[in-house]
PDB file of N, CA and C in Angstrom:
ATOM      1  N   MET A   1      69.892 101.954 147.399  1.00  0.00           N
ATOM      2  CA  MET A   1      70.327 103.050 146.552  1.00  0.00           C
ATOM      3  C   MET A   1      69.661 104.403 146.755  1.00  0.00           C
ATOM      4  N   LYS A   2      70.506 105.351 147.433  1.00  0.00           N
ATOM      5  CA  LYS A   2      69.900 106.367 147.787  1.00  0.00           C
ATOM      6  C   LYS A   2      69.548 107.504 146.929  1.00  0.00           C
ATOM      7  N   ARG A   3      70.827 107.749 145.754  1.00  0.00           N
ATOM      8  CA  ARG A   3      71.227 108.515 144.940  1.00  0.00           C
ATOM      9  C   ARG A   3      70.722 107.897 143.683  1.00  0.00           C
ATOM     10  N   LYS A   4      70.119 108.827 142.992  1.00  0.00           N
ATOM     11  CA  LYS A   4      69.438 108.647 141.435  1.00  0.00           C
ATOM     12  C   LYS A   4      70.597 108.019 140.466  1.00  0.00           C
ATOM     13  N   PRO A   5      70.402 107.005 140.055  1.00  0.00           N
ATOM     14  CA  PRO A   5      71.518 106.413 138.650  1.00  0.00           C
ATOM     15  C   PRO A   5      71.750 107.565 137.906  1.00  0.00           C
ATOM     16  N   THR A   6      72.743 107.621 137.467  1.00  0.00           N
ATOM     17  CA  THR A   6      73.259 108.416 136.138  1.00  0.00           C
ATOM     18  C   THR A   6      72.298 107.919 134.812  1.00  0.00           C
ATOM     19  N   SER A   7      71.557 108.723 134.246  1.00  0.00           N
ATOM     20  CA  SER A   7      70.626 108.189 133.165  1.00  0.00           C
ATOM     21  C   SER A   7      71.501 107.984 131.611  1.00  0.00           C
ATOM     22  N   PRO A   8      71.195 107.042 131.262  1.00  0.00           N
ATOM     23  CA  PRO A   8      71.825 106.606 129.911  1.00  0.00           C
ATOM     24  C   PRO A   8      71.853 107.767 128.738  1.00  0.00           C
ATOM     25  N   GLY A   9      70.964 108.733 129.032  1.00  0.00           N
ATOM     26  CA  GLY A   9      71.015 109.982 128.396  1.00  0.00           C
ATOM     27  C   GLY A   9      71.793 110.691 128.595  1.00  0.00           C
ATOM     28  N   GLU A  10      72.353 111.107 130.177  1.00  0.00           N
ATOM     29  CA  GLU A  10      73.514 111.650 130.524  1.00  0.00           C
ATOM     30  C   GLU A  10      74.434 111.071 129.950  1.00  0.00           C
ATOM     31  N   ILE A  11      74.882 109.776 130.414  1.00  0.00           N
ATOM     32  CA  ILE A  11      75.947 109.541 130.145  1.00  0.00           C
ATOM     33  C   ILE A  11      76.279 109.235 128.523  1.00  0.00           C
ATOM     34  N   LEU A  12      75.200 109.146 127.522  1.00  0.00           N
ATOM     35  CA  LEU A  12      75.407 109.586 126.244  1.00  0.00           C
ATOM     36  C   LEU A  12      75.575 111.046 126.209  1.00  0.00           C
ATOM     37  N   SER A  13      75.706 111.697 126.842  1.00  0.00           N
ATOM     38  CA  SER A  13      75.788 113.303 126.363  1.00  0.00           C
ATOM     39  C   SER A  13      77.224 113.595 127.241  1.00  0.00           C
ATOM     40  N   GLU A  14      77.230 113.305 128.125  1.00  0.00           N
ATOM     41  CA  GLU A  14      78.322 114.080 128.679  1.00  0.00           C
ATOM     42  C   GLU A  14      79.678 113.152 128.583  1.00  0.00           C
ATOM     43  N   GLU A  15      79.764 111.797 128.213  1.00  0.00           N
ATOM     44  CA  GLU A  15      80.805 110.666 128.356  1.00  0.00           C
ATOM     45  C   GLU A  15      81.205 110.519 126.562  1.00  0.00           C
ATOM     46  N   PHE A  16      79.905 110.750 126.079  1.00  0.00           N
ATOM     47  CA  PHE A  16      80.427 110.453 124.757  1.00  0.00           C
ATOM     48  C   PHE A  16      80.298 111.509 123.356  1.00  0.00           C
ATOM     49  N   LEU A  17      79.183 112.358 123.761  1.00  0.00           N
ATOM     50  CA  LEU A  17      78.714 113.252 122.384  1.00  0.00           C
ATOM     51  C   LEU A  17      79.731 114.421 122.764  1.00  0.00           C
ATOM     52  N   LYS A  18      79.728 115.083 124.074  1.00  0.00           N
ATOM     53  CA  LYS A  18      80.856 116.076 123.871  1.00  0.00           C
ATOM     54  C   LYS A  18      82.222 115.823 123.862  1.00  0.00           C
ATOM     55  N   PRO A  19      82.711 114.701 124.463  1.00  0.00           N
ATOM     56  CA  PRO A  19      84.061 114.355 124.399  1.00  0.00           C
ATOM     57  C   PRO A  19      84.327 114.162 123.174  1.00  0.00           C
ATOM     58  N   LEU A  20      83.643 113.859 121.942  1.00  0.00           N
ATOM     59  CA  LEU A  20      83.896 113.433 120.725  1.00  0.00           C
ATOM     60  C   LEU A  20      83.326 114.607 120.071  1.00  0.00           C
ATOM     61  N   GLY A  21      82.854 115.773 120.495  1.00  0.00           N
ATOM     62  CA  GLY A  21      82.519 116.975 119.587  1.00  0.00           C
ATOM     63  C   GLY A  21      81.306 116.698 118.827  1.00  0.00           C
ATOM     64  N   LEU A  22      80.373 115.541 119.072  1.00  0.00           N
ATOM     65  CA  LEU A  22      79.441 115.486 118.245  1.00  0.00           C
ATOM     66  C   LEU A  22      77.979 116.004 118.432  1.00  0.00           C
ATOM     67  N   THR A  23      77.053 116.499 117.929  1.00  0.00           N
ATOM     68  CA  THR A  23      75.737 116.921 118.457  1.00  0.00           C
ATOM     69  C   THR A  23      74.842 115.541 118.100  1.00  0.00           C
ATOM     70  N   GLN A  24      73.754 115.982 118.629  1.00  0.00           N
ATOM     71  CA  GLN A  24      72.977 115.067 118.987  1.00  0.00           C
ATOM     72  C   GLN A  24      72.423 114.593 117.180  1.00  0.00           C
ATOM     73  N   LYS A  25      72.143 115.450 116.156  1.00  0.00           N
ATOM     74  CA  LYS A  25      71.685 115.027 115.347  1.00  0.00           C
ATOM     75  C   LYS A  25      73.063 114.172 114.299  1.00  0.00           C
ATOM     76  N   ASP A  26      74.108 114.403 114.404  1.00  0.00           N
ATOM     77  CA  ASP A  26      75.636 113.772 114.185  1.00  0.00           C
ATOM     78  C   ASP A  26      75.487 112.571 114.047  1.00  0.00           C
ATOM     79  N   LEU A  27      74.917 112.436 115.572  1.00  0.00           N
ATOM     80  CA  LEU A  27      74.418 110.828 116.203  1.00  0.00           C
ATOM     81  C   LEU A  27      73.342 110.316 115.332  1.00  0.00           C
ATOM     82  N   ALA A  28      72.674 110.798 115.541  1.00  0.00           N
ATOM     83  CA  ALA A  28      71.401 110.475 114.773  1.00  0.00           C
ATOM     84  C   ALA A  28      71.619 110.045 113.077  1.00  0.00           C
ATOM     85  N   ASP A  29      72.352 111.302 112.455  1.00  0.00           N
ATOM     86  CA  ASP A  29      72.267 110.833 111.111  1.00  0.00           C
ATOM     87  C   ASP A  29      73.490 109.309 110.962  1.00  0.00           C
ATOM     88  N   HIS A  30      74.338 109.166 111.968  1.00  0.00           N
ATOM     89  CA  HIS A  30      75.052 108.313 112.061  1.00  0.00           C
ATOM     90  C   HIS A  30      74.546 106.848 111.967  1.00  0.00           C
ATOM     91  N   LEU A  31      73.402 106.743 112.956  1.00  0.00           N
ATOM     92  CA  LEU A  31      72.963 105.565 113.288  1.00  0.00           C
ATOM     93  C   LEU A  31      71.422 105.483 112.597  1.00  0.00           C
ATOM     94  N   HIS A  32      71.543 106.465 111.655  1.00  0.00           N
ATOM     95  CA  HIS A  32      70.522 106.347 110.776  1.00  0.00           C
ATOM     96  C   HIS A  32      68.722 106.052 111.414  1.00  0.00           C
ATOM     97  N   CYS A  33      68.737 106.729 112.483  1.00  0.00           N
ATOM     98  CA  CYS A  33      67.713 107.393 113.315  1.00  0.00           C
ATOM     99  C   CYS A  33      67.123 108.956 113.240  1.00  0.00           C
ATOM    100  N   ASP A  34      65.851 108.875 113.822  1.00  0.00           N
ATOM    101  CA  ASP A  34      65.452 110.366 113.969  1.00  0.00           C
ATOM    102  C   ASP A  34      66.304 110.998 114.983  1.00  0.00           C
ATOM    103  N   TYR A  35      66.223 111.935 114.727  1.00  0.00           N
ATOM    104  CA  TYR A  35      66.789 113.138 115.732  1.00  0.00           C
ATOM    105  C   TYR A  35      66.317 113.113 117.078  1.00  0.00           C
ATOM    106  N   LYS A  36      64.816 112.883 117.021  1.00  0.00           N
ATOM    107  CA  LYS A  36      63.875 112.966 118.108  1.00  0.00           C
ATOM    108  C   LYS A  36      64.010 111.800 118.916  1.00  0.00           C
ATOM    109  N   VAL A  37      64.592 110.646 118.675  1.00  0.00           N
ATOM    110  CA  VAL A  37      64.951 109.777 119.479  1.00  0.00           C
ATOM    111  C   VAL A  37      66.080 109.504 120.413  1.00  0.00           C
ATOM    112  N   ILE A  38      67.218 110.216 119.521  1.00  0.00           N
ATOM    113  CA  ILE A  38      68.589 110.759 120.432  1.00  0.00           C
ATOM    114  C   ILE A  38      68.110 111.853 121.662  1.00  0.00           C
ATOM    115  N   ASN A  39      67.464 112.687 120.801  1.00  0.00           N
ATOM    116  CA  ASN A  39      67.189 113.877 122.044  1.00  0.00           C
ATOM    117  C   ASN A  39      66.197 113.824 123.300  1.00  0.00           C
ATOM    118  N   ARG A  40      65.124 112.465 122.856  1.00  0.00           N
ATOM    119  CA  ARG A  40      64.675 111.932 123.964  1.00  0.00           C
ATOM    120  C   ARG A  40      65.406 111.214 124.728  1.00  0.00           C
ATOM    121  N   ILE A  41      65.881 110.718 124.363  1.00  0.00           N
ATOM    122  CA  ILE A  41      66.974 109.749 125.266  1.00  0.00           C
ATOM    123  C   ILE A  41      67.813 110.741 125.957  1.00  0.00           C
ATOM    124  N   VAL A  42      68.467 111.598 125.369  1.00  0.00           N
ATOM    125  CA  VAL A  42      69.234 112.718 126.159  1.00  0.00           C
ATOM    126  C   VAL A  42      68.667 113.251 127.479  1.00  0.00           C
ATOM    127  N   ASN A  43      67.248 113.825 127.164  1.00  0.00           N
ATOM    128  CA  ASN A  43      66.172 114.475 127.812  1.00  0.00           C
ATOM    129  C   ASN A  43      65.738 113.468 128.988  1.00  0.00           C
ATOM    130  N   GLU A  44      65.585 112.136 128.659  1.00  0.00           N
ATOM    131  CA  GLU A  44      65.143 111.403 129.932  1.00  0.00           C
ATOM    132  C   GLU A  44      63.615 111.406 129.507  1.00  0.00           C
ATOM    133  N   ARG A  45      63.080 111.516 128.386  1.00  0.00           N
ATOM    134  CA  ARG A  45      62.025 111.463 127.831  1.00  0.00           C
ATOM    135  C   ARG A  45      61.483 110.120 127.288  1.00  0.00           C
ATOM    136  N   ALA A  46      62.514 109.190 126.814  1.00  0.00           N
ATOM    137  CA  ALA A  46      62.328 108.094 126.355  1.00  0.00           C
ATOM    138  C   ALA A  46      63.513 107.116 126.967  1.00  0.00           C
ATOM    139  N   SER A  47      63.378 105.868 126.782  1.00  0.00           N
ATOM    140  CA  SER A  47      63.957 104.894 127.356  1.00  0.00           C
ATOM    141  C   SER A  47      64.776 104.054 126.188  1.00  0.00           C
ATOM    142  N   VAL A  48      66.155 103.904 126.632  1.00  0.00           N
ATOM    143  CA  VAL A  48      67.206 102.989 125.841  1.00  0.00           C
ATOM    144  C   VAL A  48      66.629 101.633 125.799  1.00  0.00           C
ATOM    145  N   THR A  49      66.172 101.557 124.103  1.00  0.00           N
ATOM    146  CA  THR A  49      65.447 100.414 124.047  1.00  0.00           C
ATOM    147  C   THR A  49      66.863  99.168 123.573  1.00  0.00           C
ATOM    148  N   PRO A  50      66.297  98.144 123.642  1.00  0.00           N
ATOM    149  CA  PRO A  50      67.138  97.111 122.817  1.00  0.00           C
ATOM    150  C   PRO A  50      67.781  97.048 121.680  1.00  0.00           C
ATOM    151  N   GLU A  51      67.194  97.671 120.405  1.00  0.00           N
ATOM    152  CA  GLU A  51      67.670  97.755 119.573  1.00  0.00           C
ATOM    153  C   GLU A  51      68.920  99.575 119.461  1.00  0.00           C
ATOM    154  N   MET A  52      68.257 100.424 120.142  1.00  0.00           N
ATOM    155  CA  MET A  52      69.104 101.629 120.698  1.00  0.00           C
ATOM    156  C   MET A  52      70.371 101.102 121.277  1.00  0.00           C
ATOM    157  N   ALA A  53      70.253 100.305 122.092  1.00  0.00           N
ATOM    158  CA  ALA A  53      71.579  99.931 122.825  1.00  0.00           C
ATOM    159  C   ALA A  53      72.591  99.001 121.853  1.00  0.00           C
ATOM    160  N   ILE A  54      72.016  98.169 120.878  1.00  0.00           N
ATOM    161  CA  ILE A  54      72.815  97.513 120.079  1.00  0.00           C
ATOM    162  C   ILE A  54      73.425  98.639 118.794  1.00  0.00           C
ATOM    163  N   LYS A  55      72.694  99.473 118.696  1.00  0.00           N
ATOM    164  CA  LYS A  55      73.213 100.961 118.157  1.00  0.00           C
ATOM    165  C   LYS A  55      74.619 101.738 118.772  1.00  0.00           C
ATOM    166  N   PHE A  56      74.237 102.136 119.958  1.00  0.00           N
ATOM    167  CA  PHE A  56      75.094 102.569 120.683  1.00  0.00           C
ATOM    168  C   PHE A  56      76.366 102.062 120.878  1.00  0.00           C
ATOM    169  N   ALA A  57      76.416 100.804 121.386  1.00  0.00           N
ATOM    170  CA  ALA A  57      77.362  99.870 121.175  1.00  0.00           C
ATOM    171  C   ALA A  57      77.974  99.839 120.338  1.00  0.00           C
ATOM    172  N   ALA A  58      77.667  99.778 118.949  1.00  0.00           N
ATOM    173  CA  ALA A  58      78.524  99.269 118.000  1.00  0.00           C
ATOM    174  C   ALA A  58      79.067 100.994 117.471  1.00  0.00           C
ATOM    175  N   ALA A  59      78.539 102.085 117.882  1.00  0.00           N
ATOM    176  CA  ALA A  59      78.931 103.406 117.449  1.00  0.00           C
ATOM    177  C   ALA A  59      80.263 103.675 118.375  1.00  0.00           C
ATOM    178  N   PHE A  60      79.897 103.429 119.745  1.00  0.00           N
ATOM    179  CA  PHE A  60      80.845 103.570 120.521  1.00  0.00           C
ATOM    180  C   PHE A  60      81.876 102.801 121.134  1.00  0.00           C
ATOM    181  N   ASN A  61      81.532 101.428 120.548  1.00  0.00           N
ATOM    182  CA  ASN A  61      82.701 100.358 120.859  1.00  0.00           C
ATOM    183  C   ASN A  61      82.521  99.947 122.625  1.00  0.00           C
ATOM    184  N   THR A  62      81.430  99.784 122.599  1.00  0.00           N
ATOM    185  CA  THR A  62      80.648  99.677 123.891  1.00  0.00           C
ATOM    186  C   THR A  62      80.043  98.267 124.094  1.00  0.00           C
ATOM    187  N   SER A  63      79.317  97.652 124.926  1.00  0.00           N
ATOM    188  CA  SER A  63      78.481  96.966 125.035  1.00  0.00           C
ATOM    189  C   SER A  63      77.030  97.162 125.020  1.00  0.00           C
ATOM    190  N   PRO A  64      75.900  96.401 124.514  1.00  0.00           N
ATOM    191  CA  PRO A  64      74.605  96.751 124.351  1.00  0.00           C
ATOM    192  C   PRO A  64      74.125  96.738 125.933  1.00  0.00           C
ATOM    193  N   ASP A  65      74.681  95.448 126.698  1.00  0.00           N
ATOM    194  CA  ASP A  65      74.634  95.335 128.369  1.00  0.00           C
ATOM    195  C   ASP A  65      74.769  96.892 128.812  1.00  0.00           C
ATOM    196  N   PHE A  66      75.974  97.244 128.718  1.00  0.00           N
ATOM    197  CA  PHE A  66      76.281  98.620 129.321  1.00  0.00           C
ATOM    198  C   PHE A  66      74.805  99.657 129.566  1.00  0.00           C
ATOM    199  N   TRP A  67      74.286  99.721 128.053  1.00  0.00           N
ATOM    200  CA  TRP A  67      73.271 100.697 128.253  1.00  0.00           C
ATOM    201  C   TRP A  67      72.324 100.181 128.495  1.00  0.00           C
ATOM    202  N   LEU A  68      71.764  98.851 128.266  1.00  0.00           N
ATOM    203  CA  LEU A  68      70.702  98.347 128.940  1.00  0.00           C
ATOM    204  C   LEU A  68      70.515  98.319 130.398  1.00  0.00           C
ATOM    205  N   ASN A  69      72.053  98.255 131.317  1.00  0.00           N
ATOM    206  CA  ASN A  69      72.420  97.893 132.906  1.00  0.00           C
ATOM    207  C   ASN A  69      71.852  99.276 133.111  1.00  0.00           C
ATOM    208  N   ALA A  70      72.460 100.789 132.662  1.00  0.00           N
ATOM    209  CA  ALA A  70      72.224 101.805 133.056  1.00  0.00           C
ATOM    210  C   ALA A  70      70.649 102.038 132.766  1.00  0.00           C
ATOM    211  N   GLN A  71      70.017 102.170 131.932  1.00  0.00           N
ATOM    212  CA  GLN A  71      68.333 102.001 131.611  1.00  0.00           C
ATOM    213  C   GLN A  71      67.856 100.866 133.129  1.00  0.00           C
ATOM    214  N   MET A  72      68.024 100.164 133.142  1.00  0.00           N
ATOM    215  CA  MET A  72      67.281  99.158 134.155  1.00  0.00           C
ATOM    216  C   MET A  72      67.660  99.503 135.699  1.00  0.00           C
ATOM    217  N   ALA A  73      68.860 100.297 135.590  1.00  0.00           N
ATOM    218  CA  ALA A  73      68.853 100.793 137.004  1.00  0.00           C
ATOM    219  C   ALA A  73      68.103 101.774 137.487  1.00  0.00           C
ATOM    220  N   LEU A  74      68.103 102.780 136.095  1.00  0.00           N
ATOM    221  CA  LEU A  74      67.167 104.065 136.582  1.00  0.00           C
ATOM    222  C   LEU A  74      66.043 103.706 136.789  1.00  0.00           C
ATOM    223  N   ASP A  75      65.633 102.677 135.596  1.00  0.00           N
ATOM    224  CA  ASP A  75      63.641 102.312 135.910  1.00  0.00           C
ATOM    225  C   ASP A  75      63.387 101.764 137.376  1.00  0.00           C
ATOM    226  N   LEU A  76      64.559 101.160 137.540  1.00  0.00           N
ATOM    227  CA  LEU A  76      64.258 100.048 139.262  1.00  0.00           C
ATOM    228  C   LEU A  76      64.477 101.421 140.093  1.00  0.00           C
ATOM    229  N   TRP A  77      65.049 102.309 140.093  1.00  0.00           N
ATOM    230  CA  TRP A  77      65.168 103.171 141.099  1.00  0.00           C
ATOM    231  C   TRP A  77      63.743 103.973 141.094  1.00  0.00           C
ATOM    232  N   ILE A  78      63.506 104.453 140.013  1.00  0.00           N
ATOM    233  CA  ILE A  78      62.063 104.925 140.034  1.00  0.00           C
ATOM    234  C   ILE A  78      60.865 104.406 140.824  1.00  0.00           C
ATOM    235  N   LEU A  79      60.946 103.312 140.002  1.00  0.00           N
ATOM    236  CA  LEU A  79      59.839 102.358 140.953  1.00  0.00           C
ATOM    237  C   LEU A  79      59.930 101.980 142.286  1.00  0.00           C
ATOM    238  N   ARG A  80      61.266 101.567 142.497  1.00  0.00           N
ATOM    239  CA  ARG A  80      61.304 101.632 144.004  1.00  0.00           C
ATOM    240  C   ARG A  80      60.980 102.990 145.084  1.00  0.00           C
ATOM    241  N   ALA A  81      60.977 104.082 144.067  1.00  0.00           N
ATOM    242  CA  ALA A  81      60.599 105.543 144.662  1.00  0.00           C
ATOM    243  C   ALA A  81      59.673 105.680 145.172  1.00  0.00           C
ATOM    244  N   GLN A  82      58.589 104.786 144.281  1.00  0.00           N
ATOM    245  CA  GLN A  82      57.222 105.138 144.416  1.00  0.00           C
ATOM    246  C   GLN A  82      56.915 104.220 145.312  1.00  0.00           C
ATOM    247  N   LYS A  83      57.385 103.259 145.988  1.00  0.00           N
ATOM    248  CA  LYS A  83      56.913 102.430 146.944  1.00  0.00           C
ATOM    249  C   LYS A  83      55.819 101.937 146.979  1.00  0.00           C
ATOM    250  N   PRO A  84      55.556 100.609 146.080  1.00  0.00           N
ATOM    251  CA  PRO A  84      54.167 100.141 145.826  1.00  0.00           C
ATOM    252  C   PRO A  84      53.526  99.659 147.125  1.00  0.00           C
ATOM    253  N   LYS A  85      52.467  99.744 147.080  1.00  0.00           N
ATOM    254  CA  LYS A  85      51.543  99.374 148.739  1.00  0.00           C
ATOM    255  C   LYS A  85      51.260  97.410 148.654  1.00  0.00           C
ATOM    256  N   ILE A  86      52.134  96.996 148.083  1.00  0.00           N
ATOM    257  CA  ILE A  86      51.833  95.590 147.878  1.00  0.00           C
ATOM    258  C   ILE A  86      52.200  94.714 149.079  1.00  0.00           C
ATOM    259  N   LYS A  87      51.267  94.272 149.797  1.00  0.00           N
ATOM    260  CA  LYS A  87      52.038  93.237 151.015  1.00  0.00           C
ATOM    261  C   LYS A  87      51.973  91.754 150.229  1.00  0.00           C
ATOM    262  N   PRO A  88      53.043  91.193 151.268  1.00  0.00           N
ATOM    263  CA  PRO A  88      53.606  89.672 150.731  1.00  0.00           C
ATOM    264  C   PRO A  88      52.435  88.706 150.538  1.00  0.00           C
ATOM    265  N   LEU A  89      52.237  87.954 149.777  1.00  0.00           N
ATOM    266  CA  LEU A  89      51.341  86.765 149.615  1.00  0.00           C
ATOM    267  C   LEU A  89      51.574  85.826 150.717  1.00  0.00           C
ATOM    268  N   ILE A  90      53.155  85.124 150.898  1.00  0.00           N
ATOM    269  CA  ILE A  90      53.768  84.188 151.641  1.00  0.00           C
ATOM    270  C   ILE A  90      55.049  85.487 152.467  1.00  0.00           C
ATOM    271  N   LYS A  91      54.684  84.482 153.880  1.00  0.00           N
ATOM    272  CA  LYS A  91      55.451  85.350 154.289  1.00  0.00           C
ATOM    273  C   LYS A  91      56.483  83.930 155.191  1.00  0.00           C
ATOM    274  N   PHE A  92      57.685  84.255 155.270  1.00  0.00           N
ATOM    275  CA  PHE A  92      58.805  83.220 155.492  1.00  0.00           C
ATOM    276  C   PHE A  92      59.429  83.253 157.071  1.00  0.00           C
ATOM    277  N   LYS A  93      59.293  82.435 157.626  1.00  0.00           N
ATOM    278  CA  LYS A  93      59.914  82.404 159.178  1.00  0.00           C
ATOM    279  C   LYS A  93      61.458  82.416 158.860  1.00  0.00           C
ATOM    280  N   ARG A  94      62.230  82.847 159.334  1.00  0.00           N
ATOM    281  CA  ARG A  94      63.576  82.528 159.367  1.00  0.00           C
ATOM    282  C   ARG A  94      63.765  82.021 160.736  1.00  0.00           C
ATOM    283  N   ARG A  95      64.317  80.961 160.293  1.00  0.00           N
ATOM    284  CA  ARG A  95      64.896  80.111 161.656  1.00  0.00           C
ATOM    285  C   ARG A  95      66.298  79.942 161.092  1.00  0.00           C
ATOM    286  N   PHE A  96      67.076  79.873 162.413  1.00  0.00           N
ATOM    287  CA  PHE A  96      68.919  79.758 162.073  1.00  0.00           C
ATOM    288  C   PHE A  96      68.973  78.899 163.264  1.00  0.00           C
ATOM    289  N   LYS A  97      69.614  77.458 162.800  1.00  0.00           N
ATOM    290  CA  LYS A  97      69.917  76.690 163.319  1.00  0.00           C
ATOM    291  C   LYS A  97      71.312  76.875 163.670  1.00  0.00           C
ATOM    292  N   ILE A  98      72.421  76.517 164.766  1.00  0.00           N
ATOM    293  CA  ILE A  98      73.514  76.488 164.801  1.00  0.00           C
ATOM    294  C   ILE A  98      73.981  75.192 164.972  1.00  0.00           C
ATOM    295  N   ALA A  99      74.994  74.866 164.033  1.00  0.00           N
ATOM    296  CA  ALA A  99      75.463  73.120 164.315  1.00  0.00           C
ATOM    297  C   ALA A  99      76.610  73.348 165.328  1.00  0.00           C
ATOM    298  N   VAL A 100      76.371  72.551 166.070  1.00  0.00           N
ATOM    299  CA  VAL A 100      77.861  72.458 166.958  1.00  0.00           C
ATOM    300  C   VAL A 100      78.556  71.127 166.767  1.00  0.00           C
ATOM    301  N   ALA A 101      79.774  71.394 166.468  1.00  0.00           N
ATOM    302  CA  ALA A 101      80.357  69.816 166.339  1.00  0.00           C
ATOM    303  C   ALA A 101      80.958  69.361 167.845  1.00  0.00           C
TER     304      ALA A 101
END
């Protein structure tokens, strides 16, 4: 994947908060959490946790998997971009045998 995945915070802001006319504070109050939690997610300074995924799912009639999958896609993209310098421990030789009838 060459393009950076859309962050859960951007999805939250652009697809849910803005269309519904909600502020981050409104959402925080509704979810009984600190405003800073929502703000950090929206600004990509914090990840969506399983607890927040469940709360978002309940509030927006989505699934927790939707939020966690978006977070995982972003996390993996960031880690892959770092290109860790780890050599494989095991090397497999691919051998293809063609069966002739």
